[in-house]
Amino acid sequence: MQGSIRLTDGNVTIGPKGRVTAEIEAREIIIRGKVSGKLRGRERVQILRTGEASGDIVTRCIAIEEGAVFRGTIDVVRGEEARPGRSAGKASGTEHVRPISVHAKEGQP
């Protein structure tokens, strides 16, 4: 799938065989497959062990399981800052954002 996904008050789950290139905005985003694009989870973004995400994430809460792959930046913000229309880099109270790359495999530290 390509494009954009916006759910006002819903959740988006990408299954283990899912392949998505899109900007995704939802209350909660759960990734079990492969996703490329900007992610805005108003409450939470989860990348489970079978998941791979590439892009920038803005959310209130992030969870990345061991074995998951992530390339991009994460901006963890307070409640109102995760709402649509706020510029993540200009929101007050935003912590310093730096690029990270996570590539963990089971059995490795």
Protein backbone atom coordinates (compact mmCIF):
# COMPACT_ATOMS: atom_id res chain seq x y z
CA MET A 1 0.00 0.00 0.00
CA GLN A 2 1.16 3.56 -0.73
CA GLY A 3 -0.24 6.97 0.19
CA SER A 4 -1.50 8.27 3.52
CA ILE A 5 -3.61 6.80 6.30
CA ARG A 6 -5.39 9.10 8.77
CA LEU A 7 -7.73 7.82 11.45
CA THR A 8 -9.20 10.40 13.80
CA ASP A 9 -9.67 8.07 16.77
CA GLY A 10 -8.66 4.63 15.55
CA ASN A 11 -5.75 2.24 15.55
CA VAL A 12 -3.67 1.07 12.59
CA THR A 13 -2.07 -2.37 12.65
CA ILE A 14 0.29 -3.54 9.93
CA GLY A 15 0.34 -7.35 9.94
CA PRO A 16 3.48 -9.50 9.63
CA LYS A 17 3.12 -9.78 5.84
CA GLY A 18 2.05 -6.15 5.36
CA ARG A 19 4.18 -3.77 3.29
CA VAL A 20 3.26 -0.07 3.54
CA THR A 21 4.85 3.11 2.21
CA ALA A 22 2.74 5.91 3.64
CA GLU A 23 2.35 8.71 6.11
CA ILE A 24 0.30 7.22 8.95
CA GLU A 25 -1.59 9.16 11.60
CA ALA A 26 -3.72 7.38 14.21
CA ARG A 27 -4.29 7.11 17.93
CA GLU A 28 -2.12 3.97 18.07
CA ILE A 29 0.10 2.40 15.40
CA ILE A 30 1.23 -1.23 15.70
CA ILE A 31 3.83 -2.52 13.25
CA ARG A 32 4.38 -6.23 12.67
CA GLY A 33 5.35 -5.93 8.96
CA LYS A 34 7.35 -3.34 7.00
CA VAL A 35 6.50 0.36 7.04
CA SER A 36 8.27 3.27 5.38
CA GLY A 37 7.08 6.82 6.02
CA LYS A 38 6.29 9.39 8.68
CA LEU A 39 4.35 7.99 11.65
CA ARG A 40 2.29 10.08 14.08
CA GLY A 41 0.79 8.03 16.90
CA ARG A 42 -1.18 10.36 19.15
CA GLU A 43 -0.96 7.88 22.04
CA ARG A 44 1.53 5.14 21.11
CA VAL A 45 3.65 3.55 18.38
CA GLN A 46 4.72 -0.08 18.78
CA ILE A 47 7.21 -1.90 16.57
CA LEU A 48 6.96 -5.58 17.38
CA ARG A 49 9.75 -8.12 16.88
CA THR A 50 8.70 -8.98 13.31
CA GLY A 51 8.31 -5.29 12.44
CA GLU A 52 10.53 -2.98 10.42
CA ALA A 53 10.01 0.78 10.30
CA SER A 54 11.89 3.41 8.36
CA GLY A 55 11.04 7.10 8.81
CA ASP A 56 10.28 9.66 11.46
CA ILE A 57 8.02 8.97 14.45
CA VAL A 58 6.17 11.50 16.62
CA THR A 59 4.27 10.02 19.57
CA ARG A 60 3.60 10.18 23.31
CA CYS A 61 4.82 6.62 23.94
CA ILE A 62 7.13 4.34 21.94
CA ALA A 63 7.77 0.61 22.30
CA ILE A 64 10.32 -1.27 20.20
CA GLU A 65 10.57 -4.99 20.88
CA GLU A 66 13.80 -6.93 20.76
CA GLY A 67 14.30 -8.15 17.21
CA ALA A 68 12.51 -5.17 15.63
CA VAL A 69 14.26 -2.94 13.09
CA PHE A 70 13.98 0.87 13.12
CA ARG A 71 15.76 3.53 11.08
CA GLY A 72 14.88 7.19 11.55
CA THR A 73 14.14 9.67 14.30
CA ILE A 74 11.80 9.47 17.26
CA ASP A 75 10.23 12.53 18.85
CA VAL A 76 8.53 11.64 22.14
CA VAL A 77 6.24 14.52 23.09
CA ARG A 78 3.74 15.44 25.76
CA GLY A 79 -0.02 15.02 25.22
CA GLU A 80 -1.08 18.06 23.19
CA GLU A 81 2.12 18.05 21.12
CA ALA A 82 1.23 14.67 19.57
CA ARG A 83 -1.98 16.13 18.11
CA PRO A 84 -2.18 16.86 14.38
CA GLY A 85 -1.04 20.24 13.13
CA ARG A 86 1.80 20.66 15.60
CA SER A 87 5.29 20.92 14.19
CA ALA A 88 7.34 18.36 16.13
CA GLY A 89 10.55 20.35 15.90
CA LYS A 90 8.93 23.58 17.08
CA ALA A 91 6.67 22.29 19.85
CA SER A 92 7.56 23.55 23.30
CA GLY A 93 8.68 20.89 25.75
CA THR A 94 9.99 18.62 23.01
CA GLU A 95 13.09 16.73 23.96
CA HIS A 96 16.18 16.89 21.77
CA VAL A 97 15.75 14.63 18.76
CA ARG A 98 18.66 12.71 17.29
CA PRO A 99 18.74 10.09 14.56
CA ILE A 100 18.97 6.53 15.78
CA SER A 101 19.22 3.18 14.11
CA VAL A 102 18.04 0.07 15.91
CA HIS A 103 18.73 -3.35 14.51
CA ALA A 104 18.42 -5.95 17.24
CA LYS A 105 18.38 -9.69 16.77
CA GLU A 106 17.42 -12.27 19.35
CA GLY A 107 20.37 -13.57 21.33
CA GLN A 108 22.43 -10.39 20.78
CA PRO A 109 22.85 -7.55 23.29
